C-alpha atoms as a PDB file:
ATOM      1  CA  MET A   1      84.837  74.869 348.145  1.00  0.00           C
ATOM      2  CA  SER A   2      85.681  72.389 345.428  1.00  0.00           C
ATOM      3  CA  TRP A   3      87.656  73.501 342.416  1.00  0.00           C
ATOM      4  CA  LEU A   4      85.062  71.736 340.262  1.00  0.00           C
ATOM      5  CA  THR A   5      82.361  74.247 341.039  1.00  0.00           C
ATOM      6  CA  SER A   6      82.090  77.851 340.030  1.00  0.00           C
ATOM      7  CA  PRO A   7      82.221  80.412 342.793  1.00  0.00           C
ATOM      8  CA  ASP A   8      78.632  81.493 342.277  1.00  0.00           C
ATOM      9  CA  SER A   9      77.104  77.987 342.188  1.00  0.00           C
ATOM     10  CA  ASP A  10      74.853  76.863 345.027  1.00  0.00           C
ATOM     11  CA  TRP A  11      76.788  74.013 346.579  1.00  0.00           C
ATOM     12  CA  ASP A  12      75.655  72.602 349.820  1.00  0.00           C
ATOM     13  CA  PRO A  13      78.318  70.337 351.339  1.00  0.00           C
ATOM     14  CA  ASP A  14      75.869  69.151 353.950  1.00  0.00           C
ATOM     15  CA  ASN A  15      73.175  68.022 351.440  1.00  0.00           C
ATOM     16  CA  PRO A  16      74.683  66.296 348.370  1.00  0.00           C
ATOM     17  CA  VAL A  17      71.266  65.393 346.969  1.00  0.00           C
ATOM     18  CA  ALA A  18      70.362  69.031 346.667  1.00  0.00           C
ATOM     19  CA  ASN A  19      73.391  69.523 344.473  1.00  0.00           C
ATOM     20  CA  VAL A  20      71.982  67.236 341.733  1.00  0.00           C
ATOM     21  CA  ASP A  21      70.354  69.024 338.734  1.00  0.00           C
ATOM     22  CA  PRO A  22      66.602  68.134 338.789  1.00  0.00           C
ATOM     23  CA  TYR A  23      66.214  68.638 334.930  1.00  0.00           C
ATOM     24  CA  PRO A  24      69.283  66.936 333.417  1.00  0.00           C
ATOM     25  CA  ASP A  25      67.497  66.063 330.085  1.00  0.00           C
ATOM     26  CA  GLU A  26      65.615  69.354 329.488  1.00  0.00           C
ATOM     27  CA  PRO A  27      67.838  70.630 326.635  1.00  0.00           C
ATOM     28  CA  ARG A  28      67.712  67.221 324.932  1.00  0.00           C
ATOM     29  CA  SER A  29      63.878  67.028 325.291  1.00  0.00           C
ATOM     30  CA  ARG A  30      63.418  70.487 323.784  1.00  0.00           C
ATOM     31  CA  GLY A  31      65.621  69.582 320.845  1.00  0.00           C
ATOM     32  CA  ARG A  32      63.673  66.393 320.229  1.00  0.00           C
ATOM     33  CA  LEU A  33      60.350  68.277 320.418  1.00  0.00           C
ATOM     34  CA  ILE A  34      61.552  70.897 317.923  1.00  0.00           C
ATOM     35  CA  PHE A  35      62.776  68.131 315.601  1.00  0.00           C
ATOM     36  CA  LEU A  36      59.419  66.346 315.730  1.00  0.00           C
ATOM     37  CA  LEU A  37      57.499  69.550 315.009  1.00  0.00           C
ATOM     38  CA  VAL A  38      59.681  70.398 312.010  1.00  0.00           C
ATOM     39  CA  ALA A  39      59.458  66.843 310.687  1.00  0.00           C
ATOM     40  CA  GLY A  40      55.658  66.826 311.077  1.00  0.00           C
ATOM     41  CA  TRP A  41      55.370  70.148 309.264  1.00  0.00           C
ATOM     42  CA  LEU A  42      57.478  68.826 306.381  1.00  0.00           C
ATOM     43  CA  VAL A  43      55.363  65.678 306.092  1.00  0.00           C
ATOM     44  CA  VAL A  44      52.113  67.671 306.027  1.00  0.00           C
ATOM     45  CA  SER A  45      53.566  70.071 303.405  1.00  0.00           C
ATOM     46  CA  VAL A  46      54.542  67.162 301.152  1.00  0.00           C
ATOM     47  CA  PHE A  47      51.064  65.642 301.367  1.00  0.00           C
ATOM     48  CA  VAL A  48      49.428  69.014 300.602  1.00  0.00           C
ATOM     49  CA  LEU A  49      51.709  69.522 297.586  1.00  0.00           C
ATOM     50  CA  ILE A  50      50.929  66.029 296.253  1.00  0.00           C
ATOM     51  CA  ALA A  51      47.175  66.651 296.649  1.00  0.00           C
ATOM     52  CA  LEU A  52      47.375  69.951 294.767  1.00  0.00           C
ATOM     53  CA  LEU A  53      49.335  68.401 291.911  1.00  0.00           C
ATOM     54  CA  THR A  54      46.955  65.426 291.712  1.00  0.00           C
ATOM     55  CA  PHE A  55      43.568  67.135 291.878  1.00  0.00           C
ATOM     56  CA  GLY A  56      44.367  70.619 290.675  1.00  0.00           C
ATOM     57  CA  GLY A  57      45.887  69.732 287.277  1.00  0.00           C
ATOM     58  CA  GLY A  58      43.309  67.372 285.794  1.00  0.00           C
ATOM     59  CA  GLY A  59      40.458  69.763 284.969  1.00  0.00           C
ATOM     60  CA  SER A  60      39.431  71.460 281.751  1.00  0.00           C
ATOM     61  CA  LYS A  61      41.858  73.773 280.039  1.00  0.00           C
ATOM     62  CA  LYS A  62      39.311  76.314 278.945  1.00  0.00           C
ATOM     63  CA  ALA A  63      40.917  79.067 281.004  1.00  0.00           C
ATOM     64  CA  GLY A  64      44.410  78.463 279.635  1.00  0.00           C
ATOM     65  CA  GLY A  65      46.652  76.023 277.849  1.00  0.00           C
ATOM     66  CA  GLN A  66      45.199  73.853 275.176  1.00  0.00           C
ATOM     67  CA  PRO A  67      41.465  74.370 274.454  1.00  0.00           C
ATOM     68  CA  SER A  68      39.057  71.609 275.347  1.00  0.00           C
ATOM     69  CA  ALA A  69      37.807  69.334 272.594  1.00  0.00           C
ATOM     70  CA  PRO A  70      34.786  70.727 270.711  1.00  0.00           C
ATOM     71  CA  ALA A  71      31.425  69.111 271.316  1.00  0.00           C
ATOM     72  CA  PRO A  72      30.181  66.879 268.559  1.00  0.00           C
ATOM     73  CA  THR A  73      27.780  68.564 266.146  1.00  0.00           C
ATOM     74  CA  SER A  74      24.770  67.157 264.397  1.00  0.00           C
ATOM     75  CA  HIS A  75      24.484  66.792 260.633  1.00  0.00           C
ATOM     76  CA  THR A  76      23.812  70.277 259.278  1.00  0.00           C
ATOM     77  CA  SER A  77      25.606  70.249 255.919  1.00  0.00           C
ATOM     78  CA  GLN A  78      22.304  70.635 254.066  1.00  0.00           C
ATOM     79  CA  SER A  79      20.717  73.055 256.537  1.00  0.00           C
ATOM     80  CA  ARG A  80      22.249  76.031 254.733  1.00  0.00           C
ATOM     81  CA  SER A  81      21.240  74.743 251.303  1.00  0.00           C
ATOM     82  CA  LEU A  82      17.556  75.584 251.625  1.00  0.00           C
ATOM     83  CA  SER A  83      16.724  78.822 253.389  1.00  0.00           C
ATOM     84  CA  VAL A  84      13.386  80.493 253.960  1.00  0.00           C
ATOM     85  CA  PRO A  85      12.608  83.698 252.044  1.00  0.00           C
ATOM     86  CA  ASP A  86      12.164  86.904 253.968  1.00  0.00           C
ATOM     87  CA  GLY A  87       8.715  87.192 255.515  1.00  0.00           C
ATOM     88  CA  TRP A  88       8.211  83.420 255.632  1.00  0.00           C
ATOM     89  CA  VAL A  89       8.111  81.381 258.863  1.00  0.00           C
ATOM     90  CA  GLN A  90       9.948  78.109 259.059  1.00  0.00           C
ATOM     91  CA  GLN A  91       7.729  75.810 261.087  1.00  0.00           C
ATOM     92  CA  ALA A  92       9.868  72.658 261.028  1.00  0.00           C
ATOM     93  CA  ALA A  93      12.901  71.112 259.340  1.00  0.00           C
ATOM     94  CA  ASP A  94      14.948  67.937 259.442  1.00  0.00           C
ATOM     95  CA  ASP A  95      17.818  66.075 257.769  1.00  0.00           C
ATOM     96  CA  GLN A  96      17.694  62.443 256.585  1.00  0.00           C
ATOM     97  CA  THR A  97      20.035  60.072 254.779  1.00  0.00           C
ATOM     98  CA  ASN A  98      17.649  57.160 254.102  1.00  0.00           C
ATOM     99  CA  CYS A  99      15.470  58.621 251.364  1.00  0.00           C
ATOM    100  CA  ALA A 100      13.731  55.314 250.648  1.00  0.00           C
ATOM    101  CA  ALA A 101      12.366  55.218 254.202  1.00  0.00           C
ATOM    102  CA  HIS A 102      10.887  58.704 253.765  1.00  0.00           C
ATOM    103  CA  SER A 103       9.272  58.446 250.330  1.00  0.00           C
ATOM    104  CA  TYR A 104       6.436  56.640 248.525  1.00  0.00           C
ATOM    105  CA  GLY A 105       5.382  55.400 245.111  1.00  0.00           C
ATOM    106  CA  GLN A 106       7.818  54.969 242.245  1.00  0.00           C
ATOM    107  CA  VAL A 107      10.094  57.455 243.941  1.00  0.00           C
ATOM    108  CA  GLN A 108      10.597  54.986 246.788  1.00  0.00           C
ATOM    109  CA  GLN A 109      11.406  52.258 244.268  1.00  0.00           C
ATOM    110  CA  PHE A 110      13.928  54.574 242.644  1.00  0.00           C
ATOM    111  CA  PHE A 111      15.727  55.076 245.965  1.00  0.00           C
ATOM    112  CA  ALA A 112      15.888  51.306 246.526  1.00  0.00           C
ATOM    113  CA  LYS A 113      18.267  51.130 243.542  1.00  0.00           C
ATOM    114  CA  THR A 114      19.737  54.631 243.708  1.00  0.00           C
ATOM    115  CA  PRO A 115      20.214  55.783 247.300  1.00  0.00           C
ATOM    116  CA  CYS A 116      20.511  59.497 247.980  1.00  0.00           C
ATOM    117  CA  LEU A 117      23.319  61.013 250.020  1.00  0.00           C
ATOM    118  CA  SER A 118      21.065  63.271 252.098  1.00  0.00           C
ATOM    119  CA  VAL A 119      17.827  65.218 252.042  1.00  0.00           C
ATOM    120  CA  HIS A 120      16.932  68.372 253.972  1.00  0.00           C
ATOM    121  CA  ARG A 121      13.192  68.968 254.386  1.00  0.00           C
ATOM    122  CA  VAL A 122      11.484  72.197 255.377  1.00  0.00           C
ATOM    123  CA  LEU A 123       7.936  73.072 256.344  1.00  0.00           C
ATOM    124  CA  ALA A 124       7.186  76.792 256.122  1.00  0.00           C
ATOM    125  CA  THR A 125       4.270  79.207 255.992  1.00  0.00           C
ATOM    126  CA  THR A 126       3.687  82.512 254.275  1.00  0.00           C
ATOM    127  CA  ASN A 127       0.843  84.807 253.273  1.00  0.00           C
ATOM    128  CA  GLN A 128      -0.386  85.347 249.720  1.00  0.00           C
ATOM    129  CA  ALA A 129      -3.019  88.015 249.079  1.00  0.00           C
ATOM    130  CA  GLY A 130      -4.320  87.657 252.633  1.00  0.00           C
ATOM    131  CA  ARG A 131      -4.480  83.837 252.547  1.00  0.00           C
ATOM    132  CA  ASN A 132      -2.225  81.559 254.559  1.00  0.00           C
ATOM    133  CA  VAL A 133      -0.024  79.303 252.462  1.00  0.00           C
ATOM    134  CA  VAL A 134       1.874  76.212 253.614  1.00  0.00           C
ATOM    135  CA  VAL A 135       5.032  75.243 251.730  1.00  0.00           C
ATOM    136  CA  ALA A 136       6.714  71.842 251.837  1.00  0.00           C
ATOM    137  CA  SER A 137      10.129  71.815 250.228  1.00  0.00           C
ATOM    138  CA  TYR A 138      13.339  69.785 250.211  1.00  0.00           C
ATOM    139  CA  VAL A 139      16.803  69.719 248.728  1.00  0.00           C
ATOM    140  CA  ILE A 140      18.222  66.288 247.937  1.00  0.00           C
ATOM    141  CA  THR A 141      21.827  65.418 247.112  1.00  0.00           C
ATOM    142  CA  PHE A 142      22.970  62.456 245.010  1.00  0.00           C
ATOM    143  CA  LYS A 143      26.310  60.885 244.247  1.00  0.00           C
ATOM    144  CA  ASP A 144      26.503  62.396 240.791  1.00  0.00           C
ATOM    145  CA  GLN A 145      24.683  64.597 238.310  1.00  0.00           C
ATOM    146  CA  GLY A 146      23.253  61.655 236.337  1.00  0.00           C
ATOM    147  CA  GLN A 147      21.382  60.319 239.362  1.00  0.00           C
ATOM    148  CA  ALA A 148      20.001  63.780 240.109  1.00  0.00           C
ATOM    149  CA  LYS A 149      18.808  64.190 236.517  1.00  0.00           C
ATOM    150  CA  ARG A 150      16.951  60.831 236.558  1.00  0.00           C
ATOM    151  CA  PHE A 151      15.328  61.650 239.878  1.00  0.00           C
ATOM    152  CA  ASN A 152      14.158  65.065 238.728  1.00  0.00           C
ATOM    153  CA  ALA A 153      12.603  63.570 235.618  1.00  0.00           C
ATOM    154  CA  LEU A 154      10.756  60.998 237.744  1.00  0.00           C
ATOM    155  CA  VAL A 155       9.496  63.308 240.464  1.00  0.00           C
ATOM    156  CA  THR A 156       8.129  65.854 237.984  1.00  0.00           C
ATOM    157  CA  SER A 157       5.969  63.196 236.308  1.00  0.00           C
ATOM    158  CA  ASP A 158       2.373  62.832 237.497  1.00  0.00           C
ATOM    159  CA  GLY A 159       1.511  59.949 239.800  1.00  0.00           C
ATOM    160  CA  THR A 160       5.049  58.817 240.514  1.00  0.00           C
ATOM    161  CA  GLY A 161       5.156  59.637 244.231  1.00  0.00           C
ATOM    162  CA  ASN A 162       7.534  61.901 246.092  1.00  0.00           C
ATOM    163  CA  ILE A 163       9.586  62.312 249.227  1.00  0.00           C
ATOM    164  CA  SER A 164       7.185  62.560 252.159  1.00  0.00           C
ATOM    165  CA  ASP A 165       6.630  66.064 253.434  1.00  0.00           C
ATOM    166  CA  LEU A 166       6.796  66.661 257.192  1.00  0.00           C
ATOM    167  CA  LEU A 167       3.031  66.969 257.545  1.00  0.00           C
ATOM    168  CA  ARG A 168       2.636  63.526 256.003  1.00  0.00           C
ATOM    169  CA  GLU A 169       4.961  62.114 258.677  1.00  0.00           C
ATOM    170  CA  GLY A 170       3.015  63.665 261.528  1.00  0.00           C
ATOM    171  CA  ILE A 171       5.038  66.802 262.185  1.00  0.00           C
ATOM    172  CA  THR A 172       2.723  69.756 262.746  1.00  0.00           C
ATOM    173  CA  TYR A 173       2.515  73.287 264.079  1.00  0.00           C
ATOM    174  CA  PRO A 174      -0.297  75.474 265.536  1.00  0.00           C
ATOM    175  CA  GLY A 175      -2.933  76.087 262.854  1.00  0.00           C
ATOM    176  CA  ALA A 176      -1.457  73.540 260.434  1.00  0.00           C
ATOM    177  CA  PRO A 177      -3.657  71.497 258.096  1.00  0.00           C
ATOM    178  CA  ARG A 178      -3.849  67.763 258.723  1.00  0.00           C
ATOM    179  CA  ALA A 179      -2.183  67.101 255.373  1.00  0.00           C
ATOM    180  CA  LEU A 180      -0.594  69.081 252.573  1.00  0.00           C
ATOM    181  CA  PRO A 181      -3.369  70.494 250.379  1.00  0.00           C
ATOM    182  CA  THR A 182      -3.502  70.019 246.637  1.00  0.00           C
ATOM    183  CA  ALA A 183      -0.524  72.150 245.797  1.00  0.00           C
ATOM    184  CA  ALA A 184       1.422  73.881 243.086  1.00  0.00           C
ATOM    185  CA  PHE A 185       4.662  72.095 242.256  1.00  0.00           C
ATOM    186  CA  ALA A 186       8.142  73.321 241.268  1.00  0.00           C
ATOM    187  CA  SER A 187      11.548  71.672 240.943  1.00  0.00           C
ATOM    188  CA  SER A 188      15.036  72.445 239.718  1.00  0.00           C
ATOM    189  CA  GLN A 189      18.306  70.600 239.310  1.00  0.00           C
ATOM    190  CA  ASP A 190      21.724  72.006 240.108  1.00  0.00           C
ATOM    191  CA  GLY A 191      24.466  69.463 239.456  1.00  0.00           C
ATOM    192  CA  SER A 192      24.000  66.577 241.884  1.00  0.00           C
ATOM    193  CA  ARG A 193      21.270  68.422 243.817  1.00  0.00           C
ATOM    194  CA  VAL A 194      17.537  68.662 243.184  1.00  0.00           C
ATOM    195  CA  VAL A 195      15.218  71.129 244.912  1.00  0.00           C
ATOM    196  CA  VAL A 196      11.477  70.475 245.082  1.00  0.00           C
ATOM    197  CA  ALA A 197       8.702  72.621 246.563  1.00  0.00           C
ATOM    198  CA  GLU A 198       4.927  72.358 246.892  1.00  0.00           C
ATOM    199  CA  ALA A 199       2.649  75.227 247.987  1.00  0.00           C
ATOM    200  CA  GLY A 200      -1.043  75.173 248.927  1.00  0.00           C
ATOM    201  CA  TYR A 201      -3.538  77.253 250.829  1.00  0.00           C
ATOM    202  CA  VAL A 202      -4.058  76.231 254.445  1.00  0.00           C
ATOM    203  CA  THR A 203      -7.848  76.638 254.438  1.00  0.00           C
ATOM    204  CA  ALA A 204      -8.997  77.860 251.034  1.00  0.00           C
ATOM    205  CA  PRO A 205      -9.273  75.452 248.061  1.00  0.00           C
ATOM    206  CA  SER A 206      -5.993  75.085 246.170  1.00  0.00           C
ATOM    207  CA  ASN A 207      -5.396  74.650 242.468  1.00  0.00           C
ATOM    208  CA  PRO A 208      -2.036  73.362 241.214  1.00  0.00           C
ATOM    209  CA  SER A 209      -2.195  75.869 238.354  1.00  0.00           C
ATOM    210  CA  ASP A 210      -2.982  78.833 240.635  1.00  0.00           C
ATOM    211  CA  PRO A 211      -0.500  81.533 239.534  1.00  0.00           C
ATOM    212  CA  ALA A 212      -0.076  82.807 243.092  1.00  0.00           C
ATOM    213  CA  LEU A 213       0.743  79.357 244.440  1.00  0.00           C
ATOM    214  CA  MET A 214       3.045  78.605 241.525  1.00  0.00           C
ATOM    215  CA  ALA A 215       4.933  81.812 242.281  1.00  0.00           C
ATOM    216  CA  VAL A 216       5.305  80.738 245.930  1.00  0.00           C
ATOM    217  CA  ALA A 217       6.655  77.327 244.910  1.00  0.00           C
ATOM    218  CA  GLN A 218       9.117  78.928 242.510  1.00  0.00           C
ATOM    219  CA  GLN A 219      10.237  81.340 245.205  1.00  0.00           C
ATOM    220  CA  ALA A 220      10.907  78.392 247.546  1.00  0.00           C
ATOM    221  CA  ILE A 221      13.243  76.558 245.173  1.00  0.00           C
ATOM    222  CA  LYS A 222      15.160  79.741 244.340  1.00  0.00           C
ATOM    223  CA  GLN A 223      16.333  79.888 247.974  1.00  0.00           C
ATOM    224  CA  SER A 224      18.527  76.832 247.471  1.00  0.00           C
END
């Protein structure tokens, strides 16, 4: 027995080939395989982390952090300036800034030289002594009190025109008349603002001096 072999090793002096280890690289192969698996796992983990940081952090912050930017709102500064009395029904409303494009007569000529800042128009209905009444009203804002005063003096004069009501511009509602009837008129000035209202019966003949219609028109301008 050679001193190079352990006593319990299988050494065959008659067959040297049998004494050669058939798997000399097995420990090295296992180490390489483990290294490759660990390296692959690290690479995959890095890619997953990059994907999460890239796609997971760019969304809206509604649930936390800074709030998202508010959506743009439409022009409603005048919408609260002319409300509808209790028991009335608002059928339509709009806001305009080009008063000359929505008026007629001498009033339109006035706006060509003195533009308004804005006008809020309302079309509403109510009932007066069992008869349906349609009310067209608006509140208009000018640059200063002097402009408002001149407009109010013009619009209250007979035959000078007016700002077009919504019926005149084709806006309607179920049961609406084709045009605003002969109506009672009321207006008031408050600084740089002027409120105007007209009220007429939907089906029955209307008289501008009808006390009931005049009361409706006055009630409309008091809601400004």
